[in-house]
Amino acid sequence: MQKVVERILNLLAFLLTVGRPVTADEIRHTVKGYEQPTDEAFRRTFERDKDLLRTLGVPLELRHTDLWEVELGYVVPSDDYGLDDPGLTDEERSALLLASQAVRFGGQRTELGAIFKLGGAARTTESGTVYADLGHDLDQLGALYGAITDKKIARFDYRNRRRQIEPYGLIHRRGRWYLIGPERGAPEPVKAFRVDRMGLIAIDEAVGTFTRAPEFDLKSSLAELPSEGTTDMLASVRFDTDVASIAKRQMPGATEVDRTQASVLLEVPYSADRSLIGWVLGFDDKAVIEAPDELRRALVAFVEAPT
């Protein structure tokens, strides 16, 4: 499978950079991966690769190679496949690369390919031990972001009741996501809902069904808004001294309760086990959960679960 992926990428790179229609014979003798011993073997391989490219959404077309229209060649029109240059500076691309290295969802690494499609970035030192785990299900977050962008009503079960929300925005605080917006039929003008407590999320099809109040400020909203159950539990996490200050900065509300020459014990507020466990695991062997016991057991179960 790896050879197939490499050959497809080589073919796509060649078609995007050559700047003209190229014949199958030229592709066979130029692109790495098409060293088949017979014409028939090459034809079968090339036909499969063309179908795969088109399945992936690549607009592979046949066009005449010259003005006399004697021969046909393959081309990927840049206007149909390429993105407009967003005009990012080196500093902006480097900032995006750093963010993609530092942020993970559910402990998973962020794919860096998109950064290189934007023009690459200056080489940075990758951090393999410290990162922010933004947790939660990407499909659900994507659906909610879409509802915010398109001004669609979001419906979900929350605290034993079906809710109908005008989603104003999503915000991440202390390892969990909140959906901010007014609930239809509720007396409060705007409320905050924890995404990890939502069930059966559904987004209406109708677009533009509400208007966000122009004076609403999402960034400062969470501390001021009524919410549906945001009480924090506390975990005791011991960090090696060299990463303790980083952990404290990453988790607002964390307080130092003990310090030795080698370690620092922080009391950390949390509500979702999964988010805290993912965050702690980001420090590798430089962090240990000391309490509560049920959180320690959840961490052990997570680590020992089959992949």
C-alpha atoms as a PDB file:
ATOM      1  CA  MET A   1       0.000   0.000   0.000  1.00  0.00           C
ATOM      2  CA  GLN A   2       2.851   2.355   0.776  1.00  0.00           C
ATOM      3  CA  LYS A   3       4.223   1.911  -2.744  1.00  0.00           C
ATOM      4  CA  VAL A   4       0.813   2.761  -4.203  1.00  0.00           C
ATOM      5  CA  VAL A   5       0.596   5.962  -2.141  1.00  0.00           C
ATOM      6  CA  GLU A   6       4.124   6.988  -3.125  1.00  0.00           C
ATOM      7  CA  ARG A   7       3.426   6.324  -6.808  1.00  0.00           C
ATOM      8  CA  ILE A   8       0.160   8.321  -6.702  1.00  0.00           C
ATOM      9  CA  LEU A   9       1.879  11.244  -4.995  1.00  0.00           C
ATOM     10  CA  ASN A  10       4.715  11.131  -7.524  1.00  0.00           C
ATOM     11  CA  LEU A  11       2.217  11.146 -10.392  1.00  0.00           C
ATOM     12  CA  LEU A  12       0.209  14.023  -8.938  1.00  0.00           C
ATOM     13  CA  ALA A  13       3.336  16.074  -8.232  1.00  0.00           C
ATOM     14  CA  PHE A  14       4.557  15.529 -11.793  1.00  0.00           C
ATOM     15  CA  LEU A  15       1.239  16.529 -13.348  1.00  0.00           C
ATOM     16  CA  LEU A  16       0.990  19.651 -11.189  1.00  0.00           C
ATOM     17  CA  THR A  17       4.512  20.865 -11.926  1.00  0.00           C
ATOM     18  CA  VAL A  18       5.076  19.955 -15.577  1.00  0.00           C
ATOM     19  CA  GLY A  19       2.711  22.687 -16.769  1.00  0.00           C
ATOM     20  CA  ARG A  20       1.486  20.927 -19.953  1.00  0.00           C
ATOM     21  CA  PRO A  21      -0.385  17.784 -21.056  1.00  0.00           C
ATOM     22  CA  VAL A  22       1.867  14.702 -20.904  1.00  0.00           C
ATOM     23  CA  THR A  23       1.375  11.346 -22.588  1.00  0.00           C
ATOM     24  CA  ALA A  24       1.114   8.029 -20.798  1.00  0.00           C
ATOM     25  CA  ASP A  25       4.409   6.994 -22.373  1.00  0.00           C
ATOM     26  CA  GLU A  26       6.166  10.061 -20.919  1.00  0.00           C
ATOM     27  CA  ILE A  27       4.665   9.342 -17.514  1.00  0.00           C
ATOM     28  CA  ARG A  28       5.894   5.741 -17.716  1.00  0.00           C
ATOM     29  CA  HIS A  29       9.476   6.791 -18.375  1.00  0.00           C
ATOM     30  CA  THR A  30       9.543   9.812 -16.031  1.00  0.00           C
ATOM     31  CA  VAL A  31       7.506   9.114 -12.893  1.00  0.00           C
ATOM     32  CA  LYS A  32       9.010   6.824 -10.273  1.00  0.00           C
ATOM     33  CA  GLY A  33       6.882   3.760  -9.615  1.00  0.00           C
ATOM     34  CA  TYR A  34       5.981   2.890 -13.205  1.00  0.00           C
ATOM     35  CA  GLU A  35       8.831   0.475 -13.902  1.00  0.00           C
ATOM     36  CA  GLN A  36       6.490  -2.354 -14.912  1.00  0.00           C
ATOM     37  CA  PRO A  37       8.152  -4.954 -17.151  1.00  0.00           C
ATOM     38  CA  THR A  38       5.431  -5.071 -19.849  1.00  0.00           C
ATOM     39  CA  ASP A  39       3.138  -2.623 -21.615  1.00  0.00           C
ATOM     40  CA  GLU A  40       0.081  -4.476 -20.318  1.00  0.00           C
ATOM     41  CA  ALA A  41       1.255  -4.323 -16.710  1.00  0.00           C
ATOM     42  CA  PHE A  42       1.886  -0.579 -17.020  1.00  0.00           C
ATOM     43  CA  ARG A  43      -1.520  -0.006 -18.618  1.00  0.00           C
ATOM     44  CA  ARG A  44      -3.346  -1.810 -15.806  1.00  0.00           C
ATOM     45  CA  THR A  45      -1.410   0.068 -13.114  1.00  0.00           C
ATOM     46  CA  PHE A  46      -1.884   3.441 -14.779  1.00  0.00           C
ATOM     47  CA  GLU A  47      -5.625   2.905 -15.279  1.00  0.00           C
ATOM     48  CA  ARG A  48      -6.064   2.055 -11.585  1.00  0.00           C
ATOM     49  CA  ASP A  49      -4.080   5.131 -10.572  1.00  0.00           C
ATOM     50  CA  LYS A  50      -6.139   7.427 -12.814  1.00  0.00           C
ATOM     51  CA  ASP A  51      -9.364   6.079 -11.305  1.00  0.00           C
ATOM     52  CA  LEU A  52      -7.980   6.583  -7.807  1.00  0.00           C
ATOM     53  CA  LEU A  53      -6.986  10.193  -8.513  1.00  0.00           C
ATOM     54  CA  ARG A  54     -10.434  10.991  -9.860  1.00  0.00           C
ATOM     55  CA  THR A  55     -12.053   9.282  -6.862  1.00  0.00           C
ATOM     56  CA  LEU A  56      -9.989  11.561  -4.627  1.00  0.00           C
ATOM     57  CA  GLY A  57     -11.372  14.596  -6.445  1.00  0.00           C
ATOM     58  CA  VAL A  58      -8.371  15.367  -8.642  1.00  0.00           C
ATOM     59  CA  PRO A  59      -9.616  16.825 -11.973  1.00  0.00           C
ATOM     60  CA  LEU A  60      -7.475  14.696 -14.304  1.00  0.00           C
ATOM     61  CA  GLU A  61      -8.234  15.627 -17.911  1.00  0.00           C
ATOM     62  CA  LEU A  62      -7.167  14.580 -21.415  1.00  0.00           C
ATOM     63  CA  ARG A  63      -6.011  17.388 -23.695  1.00  0.00           C
ATOM     64  CA  HIS A  64      -4.104  17.688 -26.958  1.00  0.00           C
ATOM     65  CA  THR A  65      -0.361  17.983 -26.477  1.00  0.00           C
ATOM     66  CA  ASP A  66       0.231  20.387 -29.393  1.00  0.00           C
ATOM     67  CA  LEU A  67      -1.455  22.722 -31.872  1.00  0.00           C
ATOM     68  CA  TRP A  68      -1.815  19.977 -34.499  1.00  0.00           C
ATOM     69  CA  GLU A  69      -4.006  17.929 -32.107  1.00  0.00           C
ATOM     70  CA  VAL A  70      -2.293  14.688 -33.067  1.00  0.00           C
ATOM     71  CA  GLU A  71      -1.609  13.339 -29.590  1.00  0.00           C
ATOM     72  CA  LEU A  72      -3.473  13.428 -26.283  1.00  0.00           C
ATOM     73  CA  GLY A  73      -1.918  13.875 -22.860  1.00  0.00           C
ATOM     74  CA  TYR A  74      -2.982  14.114 -19.243  1.00  0.00           C
ATOM     75  CA  VAL A  75      -3.150  17.344 -17.251  1.00  0.00           C
ATOM     76  CA  VAL A  76      -4.472  18.547 -13.875  1.00  0.00           C
ATOM     77  CA  PRO A  77      -5.783  22.108 -14.409  1.00  0.00           C
ATOM     78  CA  SER A  78      -4.342  24.286 -11.659  1.00  0.00           C
ATOM     79  CA  ASP A  79      -7.377  26.594 -11.757  1.00  0.00           C
ATOM     80  CA  ASP A  80      -9.656  23.679 -10.854  1.00  0.00           C
ATOM     81  CA  TYR A  81      -7.411  22.031  -8.278  1.00  0.00           C
ATOM     82  CA  GLY A  82      -5.073  24.581  -6.768  1.00  0.00           C
ATOM     83  CA  LEU A  83      -5.897  27.072  -4.000  1.00  0.00           C
ATOM     84  CA  ASP A  84      -5.374  30.790  -4.269  1.00  0.00           C
ATOM     85  CA  ASP A  85      -2.260  31.922  -2.430  1.00  0.00           C
ATOM     86  CA  PRO A  86      -3.508  33.371   0.903  1.00  0.00           C
ATOM     87  CA  GLY A  87      -0.437  35.619   1.039  1.00  0.00           C
ATOM     88  CA  LEU A  88       0.786  34.448   4.444  1.00  0.00           C
ATOM     89  CA  THR A  89       4.070  35.824   5.707  1.00  0.00           C
ATOM     90  CA  ASP A  90       6.876  33.571   6.957  1.00  0.00           C
ATOM     91  CA  GLU A  91       5.958  34.522  10.521  1.00  0.00           C
ATOM     92  CA  GLU A  92       2.307  33.585   9.976  1.00  0.00           C
ATOM     93  CA  ARG A  93       3.187  30.207   8.431  1.00  0.00           C
ATOM     94  CA  SER A  94       5.596  29.502  11.287  1.00  0.00           C
ATOM     95  CA  ALA A  95       2.874  30.359  13.802  1.00  0.00           C
ATOM     96  CA  LEU A  96       0.485  27.932  12.077  1.00  0.00           C
ATOM     97  CA  LEU A  97       3.129  25.206  12.095  1.00  0.00           C
ATOM     98  CA  LEU A  98       3.829  25.746  15.794  1.00  0.00           C
ATOM     99  CA  ALA A  99       0.110  25.636  16.583  1.00  0.00           C
ATOM    100  CA  SER A 100      -0.345  22.418  14.610  1.00  0.00           C
ATOM    101  CA  GLN A 101       2.525  20.831  16.554  1.00  0.00           C
ATOM    102  CA  ALA A 102       1.224  22.019  19.920  1.00  0.00           C
ATOM    103  CA  VAL A 103      -2.468  21.186  19.525  1.00  0.00           C
ATOM    104  CA  ARG A 104      -4.022  17.738  19.451  1.00  0.00           C
ATOM    105  CA  PHE A 105      -7.598  16.492  19.494  1.00  0.00           C
ATOM    106  CA  GLY A 106      -8.146  13.458  21.674  1.00  0.00           C
ATOM    107  CA  GLY A 107      -4.389  12.855  21.852  1.00  0.00           C
ATOM    108  CA  GLN A 108      -4.056  12.561  18.068  1.00  0.00           C
ATOM    109  CA  ARG A 109      -1.389  14.459  16.180  1.00  0.00           C
ATOM    110  CA  THR A 110      -2.436  17.162  13.758  1.00  0.00           C
ATOM    111  CA  GLU A 111      -1.609  16.482  10.101  1.00  0.00           C
ATOM    112  CA  LEU A 112       1.107  18.914   8.974  1.00  0.00           C
ATOM    113  CA  GLY A 113       0.541  18.493   5.237  1.00  0.00           C
ATOM    114  CA  ALA A 114      -1.827  21.465   5.104  1.00  0.00           C
ATOM    115  CA  ILE A 115       0.899  23.776   6.406  1.00  0.00           C
ATOM    116  CA  PHE A 116       3.253  22.775   3.604  1.00  0.00           C
ATOM    117  CA  LYS A 117       0.485  23.322   1.040  1.00  0.00           C
ATOM    118  CA  LEU A 118       0.371  26.915   2.294  1.00  0.00           C
ATOM    119  CA  GLY A 119       4.011  27.379   1.392  1.00  0.00           C
ATOM    120  CA  GLY A 120       5.828  25.638   4.194  1.00  0.00           C
ATOM    121  CA  ALA A 121       7.343  27.286   7.225  1.00  0.00           C
ATOM    122  CA  ALA A 122      10.671  27.928   8.793  1.00  0.00           C
ATOM    123  CA  ARG A 123      12.108  24.869  10.491  1.00  0.00           C
ATOM    124  CA  THR A 124      11.069  24.645  14.143  1.00  0.00           C
ATOM    125  CA  THR A 125      11.927  22.381  17.025  1.00  0.00           C
ATOM    126  CA  GLU A 126       9.075  19.935  17.421  1.00  0.00           C
ATOM    127  CA  SER A 127       7.819  19.313  20.930  1.00  0.00           C
ATOM    128  CA  GLY A 128       7.077  15.655  21.368  1.00  0.00           C
ATOM    129  CA  THR A 129       6.218  15.771  25.064  1.00  0.00           C
ATOM    130  CA  VAL A 130       4.174  18.887  25.801  1.00  0.00           C
ATOM    131  CA  TYR A 131       1.023  19.736  23.904  1.00  0.00           C
ATOM    132  CA  ALA A 132      -2.537  20.905  24.419  1.00  0.00           C
ATOM    133  CA  ASP A 133      -5.097  18.157  24.021  1.00  0.00           C
ATOM    134  CA  LEU A 134      -8.313  19.808  22.801  1.00  0.00           C
ATOM    135  CA  GLY A 135     -10.195  16.562  23.170  1.00  0.00           C
ATOM    136  CA  HIS A 136     -13.697  15.609  22.087  1.00  0.00           C
ATOM    137  CA  ASP A 137     -15.164  14.199  18.920  1.00  0.00           C
ATOM    138  CA  LEU A 138     -14.062  16.033  15.775  1.00  0.00           C
ATOM    139  CA  ASP A 139     -17.229  15.173  13.834  1.00  0.00           C
ATOM    140  CA  GLN A 140     -19.450  16.705  16.532  1.00  0.00           C
ATOM    141  CA  LEU A 141     -17.299  19.810  16.787  1.00  0.00           C
ATOM    142  CA  GLY A 142     -17.308  20.134  13.004  1.00  0.00           C
ATOM    143  CA  ALA A 143     -21.099  19.896  12.896  1.00  0.00           C
ATOM    144  CA  LEU A 144     -21.448  22.570  15.583  1.00  0.00           C
ATOM    145  CA  TYR A 145     -18.936  24.854  13.849  1.00  0.00           C
ATOM    146  CA  GLY A 146     -20.942  24.448  10.653  1.00  0.00           C
ATOM    147  CA  ALA A 147     -24.133  25.401  12.476  1.00  0.00           C
ATOM    148  CA  ILE A 148     -22.443  28.530  13.842  1.00  0.00           C
ATOM    149  CA  THR A 149     -21.135  29.549  10.428  1.00  0.00           C
ATOM    150  CA  ASP A 150     -24.411  28.909   8.575  1.00  0.00           C
ATOM    151  CA  LYS A 151     -26.640  30.164  11.410  1.00  0.00           C
ATOM    152  CA  LYS A 152     -28.473  26.864  11.739  1.00  0.00           C
ATOM    153  CA  ILE A 153     -30.393  25.720  14.822  1.00  0.00           C
ATOM    154  CA  ALA A 154     -28.666  23.014  16.882  1.00  0.00           C
ATOM    155  CA  ARG A 155     -30.722  20.421  18.770  1.00  0.00           C
ATOM    156  CA  PHE A 156     -29.392  18.035  21.413  1.00  0.00           C
ATOM    157  CA  ASP A 157     -30.251  16.228  24.639  1.00  0.00           C
ATOM    158  CA  TYR A 158     -28.868  17.944  27.734  1.00  0.00           C
ATOM    159  CA  ARG A 159     -29.587  17.141  31.382  1.00  0.00           C
ATOM    160  CA  ASN A 160     -32.612  14.983  30.576  1.00  0.00           C
ATOM    161  CA  ARG A 161     -34.216  17.489  28.228  1.00  0.00           C
ATOM    162  CA  ARG A 162     -34.171  18.160  24.491  1.00  0.00           C
ATOM    163  CA  ARG A 163     -32.711  21.619  23.745  1.00  0.00           C
ATOM    164  CA  GLN A 164     -33.034  23.946  20.758  1.00  0.00           C
ATOM    165  CA  ILE A 165     -30.120  26.386  20.589  1.00  0.00           C
ATOM    166  CA  GLU A 166     -29.127  29.288  18.379  1.00  0.00           C
ATOM    167  CA  PRO A 167     -25.353  28.602  18.334  1.00  0.00           C
ATOM    168  CA  TYR A 168     -23.390  31.834  18.705  1.00  0.00           C
ATOM    169  CA  GLY A 169     -19.960  30.216  19.107  1.00  0.00           C
ATOM    170  CA  LEU A 170     -17.720  27.491  20.546  1.00  0.00           C
ATOM    171  CA  ILE A 171     -15.090  28.149  23.164  1.00  0.00           C
ATOM    172  CA  HIS A 172     -12.500  25.908  24.854  1.00  0.00           C
ATOM    173  CA  ARG A 173     -11.782  26.282  28.557  1.00  0.00           C
ATOM    174  CA  ARG A 174      -9.977  24.024  31.044  1.00  0.00           C
ATOM    175  CA  GLY A 175      -9.930  20.997  28.801  1.00  0.00           C
ATOM    176  CA  ARG A 176     -13.540  21.112  27.625  1.00  0.00           C
ATOM    177  CA  TRP A 177     -15.664  22.734  24.919  1.00  0.00           C
ATOM    178  CA  TYR A 178     -18.694  24.976  25.486  1.00  0.00           C
ATOM    179  CA  LEU A 179     -21.397  25.915  23.009  1.00  0.00           C
ATOM    180  CA  ILE A 180     -22.601  29.463  23.615  1.00  0.00           C
ATOM    181  CA  GLY A 181     -26.013  30.703  22.531  1.00  0.00           C
ATOM    182  CA  PRO A 182     -29.630  31.374  23.524  1.00  0.00           C
ATOM    183  CA  GLU A 183     -31.977  28.465  24.138  1.00  0.00           C
ATOM    184  CA  ARG A 184     -35.352  28.904  22.527  1.00  0.00           C
ATOM    185  CA  GLY A 185     -38.066  29.009  25.152  1.00  0.00           C
ATOM    186  CA  ALA A 186     -35.658  29.745  28.037  1.00  0.00           C
ATOM    187  CA  PRO A 187     -35.712  33.009  30.049  1.00  0.00           C
ATOM    188  CA  GLU A 188     -31.950  33.625  29.885  1.00  0.00           C
ATOM    189  CA  PRO A 189     -30.837  35.565  26.782  1.00  0.00           C
ATOM    190  CA  VAL A 190     -27.660  33.464  26.317  1.00  0.00           C
ATOM    191  CA  LYS A 191     -26.361  30.296  28.006  1.00  0.00           C
ATOM    192  CA  ALA A 192     -23.301  28.014  27.961  1.00  0.00           C
ATOM    193  CA  PHE A 193     -23.559  24.254  27.320  1.00  0.00           C
ATOM    194  CA  ARG A 194     -20.748  21.740  27.773  1.00  0.00           C
ATOM    195  CA  VAL A 195     -20.298  19.826  24.528  1.00  0.00           C
ATOM    196  CA  ASP A 196     -19.160  16.596  26.214  1.00  0.00           C
ATOM    197  CA  ARG A 197     -22.529  16.419  27.995  1.00  0.00           C
ATOM    198  CA  MET A 198     -24.588  16.758  24.817  1.00  0.00           C
ATOM    199  CA  GLY A 199     -26.383  13.769  23.361  1.00  0.00           C
ATOM    200  CA  LEU A 200     -27.999  13.091  19.972  1.00  0.00           C
ATOM    201  CA  ILE A 201     -26.716  16.284  18.358  1.00  0.00           C
ATOM    202  CA  ALA A 202     -28.708  17.255  15.257  1.00  0.00           C
ATOM    203  CA  ILE A 203     -28.358  20.330  13.049  1.00  0.00           C
ATOM    204  CA  ASP A 204     -31.335  21.798  11.191  1.00  0.00           C
ATOM    205  CA  GLU A 205     -31.088  22.121   7.426  1.00  0.00           C
ATOM    206  CA  ALA A 206     -32.432  25.681   7.235  1.00  0.00           C
ATOM    207  CA  VAL A 207     -29.697  28.325   6.884  1.00  0.00           C
ATOM    208  CA  GLY A 208     -29.745  31.832   8.362  1.00  0.00           C
ATOM    209  CA  THR A 209     -32.527  31.206  10.877  1.00  0.00           C
ATOM    210  CA  PHE A 210     -31.111  33.517  13.578  1.00  0.00           C
ATOM    211  CA  THR A 211     -28.898  36.574  13.995  1.00  0.00           C
ATOM    212  CA  ARG A 212     -26.224  36.873  16.656  1.00  0.00           C
ATOM    213  CA  ALA A 213     -26.485  40.011  18.762  1.00  0.00           C
ATOM    214  CA  PRO A 214     -23.846  42.463  17.456  1.00  0.00           C
ATOM    215  CA  GLU A 215     -22.724  43.425  20.972  1.00  0.00           C
ATOM    216  CA  PHE A 216     -22.091  39.799  22.002  1.00  0.00           C
ATOM    217  CA  ASP A 217     -18.437  39.041  22.842  1.00  0.00           C
ATOM    218  CA  LEU A 218     -17.656  35.304  22.766  1.00  0.00           C
ATOM    219  CA  LYS A 219     -14.244  35.643  24.421  1.00  0.00           C
ATOM    220  CA  SER A 220     -15.585  37.147  27.645  1.00  0.00           C
ATOM    221  CA  SER A 221     -18.895  35.311  27.632  1.00  0.00           C
ATOM    222  CA  LEU A 222     -18.130  32.123  29.548  1.00  0.00           C
ATOM    223  CA  ALA A 223     -17.375  33.727  32.904  1.00  0.00           C
ATOM    224  CA  GLU A 224     -20.522  35.877  32.717  1.00  0.00           C
ATOM    225  CA  LEU A 225     -23.118  33.449  31.355  1.00  0.00           C
ATOM    226  CA  PRO A 226     -25.394  31.032  33.189  1.00  0.00           C
ATOM    227  CA  SER A 227     -24.444  27.454  32.394  1.00  0.00           C
ATOM    228  CA  GLU A 228     -25.887  23.991  32.684  1.00  0.00           C
ATOM    229  CA  GLY A 229     -23.621  22.410  35.282  1.00  0.00           C
ATOM    230  CA  THR A 230     -19.981  23.502  35.113  1.00  0.00           C
ATOM    231  CA  THR A 231     -18.838  22.493  38.624  1.00  0.00           C
ATOM    232  CA  ASP A 232     -15.225  21.347  38.595  1.00  0.00           C
ATOM    233  CA  MET A 233     -13.758  18.368  40.366  1.00  0.00           C
ATOM    234  CA  LEU A 234     -10.174  18.556  41.551  1.00  0.00           C
ATOM    235  CA  ALA A 235      -7.283  16.259  40.640  1.00  0.00           C
ATOM    236  CA  SER A 236      -3.890  16.132  42.319  1.00  0.00           C
ATOM    237  CA  VAL A 237      -1.190  15.816  39.648  1.00  0.00           C
ATOM    238  CA  ARG A 238       2.534  15.728  40.422  1.00  0.00           C
ATOM    239  CA  PHE A 239       4.835  17.182  37.735  1.00  0.00           C
ATOM    240  CA  ASP A 240       8.585  17.154  37.345  1.00  0.00           C
ATOM    241  CA  THR A 241       9.954  20.569  38.229  1.00  0.00           C
ATOM    242  CA  ASP A 242      11.054  21.383  34.659  1.00  0.00           C
ATOM    243  CA  VAL A 243       7.492  21.165  33.289  1.00  0.00           C
ATOM    244  CA  ALA A 244       5.436  22.296  36.293  1.00  0.00           C
ATOM    245  CA  SER A 245       5.361  25.964  35.281  1.00  0.00           C
ATOM    246  CA  ILE A 246       4.224  24.983  31.777  1.00  0.00           C
ATOM    247  CA  ALA A 247       1.422  22.821  33.204  1.00  0.00           C
ATOM    248  CA  LYS A 248       0.272  25.620  35.486  1.00  0.00           C
ATOM    249  CA  ARG A 249       0.107  28.081  32.581  1.00  0.00           C
ATOM    250  CA  GLN A 250      -1.818  25.612  30.426  1.00  0.00           C
ATOM    251  CA  MET A 251      -4.496  24.934  33.059  1.00  0.00           C
ATOM    252  CA  PRO A 252      -6.055  28.131  34.490  1.00  0.00           C
ATOM    253  CA  GLY A 253      -7.198  27.571  38.061  1.00  0.00           C
ATOM    254  CA  ALA A 254      -4.410  25.110  38.904  1.00  0.00           C
ATOM    255  CA  THR A 255      -2.853  25.776  42.306  1.00  0.00           C
ATOM    256  CA  GLU A 256       0.436  24.602  43.766  1.00  0.00           C
ATOM    257  CA  VAL A 257       0.010  22.591  46.995  1.00  0.00           C
ATOM    258  CA  ASP A 258       3.428  21.004  47.452  1.00  0.00           C
ATOM    259  CA  ARG A 259       6.948  21.402  46.089  1.00  0.00           C
ATOM    260  CA  THR A 260      10.129  19.369  46.407  1.00  0.00           C
ATOM    261  CA  GLN A 261      13.459  19.730  44.648  1.00  0.00           C
ATOM    262  CA  ALA A 262      12.361  17.252  41.969  1.00  0.00           C
ATOM    263  CA  SER A 263       8.599  17.785  41.633  1.00  0.00           C
ATOM    264  CA  VAL A 264       5.613  20.061  42.102  1.00  0.00           C
ATOM    265  CA  LEU A 265       2.119  18.913  43.133  1.00  0.00           C
ATOM    266  CA  LEU A 266      -0.680  20.852  41.471  1.00  0.00           C
ATOM    267  CA  GLU A 267      -4.379  20.763  42.308  1.00  0.00           C
ATOM    268  CA  VAL A 268      -6.086  20.908  38.926  1.00  0.00           C
ATOM    269  CA  PRO A 269      -9.808  21.566  38.275  1.00  0.00           C
ATOM    270  CA  TYR A 270     -11.440  19.240  35.757  1.00  0.00           C
ATOM    271  CA  SER A 271     -14.809  17.909  34.703  1.00  0.00           C
ATOM    272  CA  ALA A 272     -14.117  15.435  31.893  1.00  0.00           C
ATOM    273  CA  ASP A 273     -11.849  12.460  32.675  1.00  0.00           C
ATOM    274  CA  ARG A 274     -10.869  11.974  29.049  1.00  0.00           C
ATOM    275  CA  SER A 275      -9.681  15.553  28.552  1.00  0.00           C
ATOM    276  CA  LEU A 276      -7.591  15.591  31.730  1.00  0.00           C
ATOM    277  CA  ILE A 277      -6.082  12.175  31.006  1.00  0.00           C
ATOM    278  CA  GLY A 278      -5.112  13.251  27.481  1.00  0.00           C
ATOM    279  CA  TRP A 279      -3.548  16.423  28.864  1.00  0.00           C
ATOM    280  CA  VAL A 280      -1.569  14.562  31.531  1.00  0.00           C
ATOM    281  CA  LEU A 281      -0.342  11.956  29.032  1.00  0.00           C
ATOM    282  CA  GLY A 282       1.059  14.795  26.960  1.00  0.00           C
ATOM    283  CA  PHE A 283       3.766  15.182  29.610  1.00  0.00           C
ATOM    284  CA  ASP A 284       4.824  11.524  29.205  1.00  0.00           C
ATOM    285  CA  ASP A 285       6.599  10.310  32.363  1.00  0.00           C
ATOM    286  CA  LYS A 286       6.918  13.832  33.773  1.00  0.00           C
ATOM    287  CA  ALA A 287       3.388  13.824  35.247  1.00  0.00           C
ATOM    288  CA  VAL A 288       1.578  11.422  37.604  1.00  0.00           C
ATOM    289  CA  ILE A 289      -2.034  11.584  38.808  1.00  0.00           C
ATOM    290  CA  GLU A 290      -2.059  11.075  42.574  1.00  0.00           C
ATOM    291  CA  ALA A 291      -5.771  11.592  43.263  1.00  0.00           C
ATOM    292  CA  PRO A 292      -8.647  10.870  43.014  1.00  0.00           C
ATOM    293  CA  ASP A 293      -8.323   7.095  42.811  1.00  0.00           C
ATOM    294  CA  GLU A 294     -11.068   6.706  40.197  1.00  0.00           C
ATOM    295  CA  LEU A 295      -9.181   9.062  37.876  1.00  0.00           C
ATOM    296  CA  ARG A 296      -5.973   7.067  38.377  1.00  0.00           C
ATOM    297  CA  ARG A 297      -7.857   3.881  37.471  1.00  0.00           C
ATOM    298  CA  ALA A 298      -9.332   5.579  34.385  1.00  0.00           C
ATOM    299  CA  LEU A 299      -5.816   6.553  33.300  1.00  0.00           C
ATOM    300  CA  VAL A 300      -4.519   2.998  33.748  1.00  0.00           C
ATOM    301  CA  ALA A 301      -7.494   1.592  31.810  1.00  0.00           C
ATOM    302  CA  PHE A 302      -6.909   4.084  29.000  1.00  0.00           C
ATOM    303  CA  VAL A 303      -3.200   3.229  28.715  1.00  0.00           C
ATOM    304  CA  GLU A 304      -3.754  -0.540  28.880  1.00  0.00           C
ATOM    305  CA  ALA A 305      -6.668  -0.567  26.406  1.00  0.00           C
ATOM    306  CA  PRO A 306      -5.843  -2.374  23.133  1.00  0.00           C
ATOM    307  CA  THR A 307      -5.165  -0.003  20.235  1.00  0.00           C
END
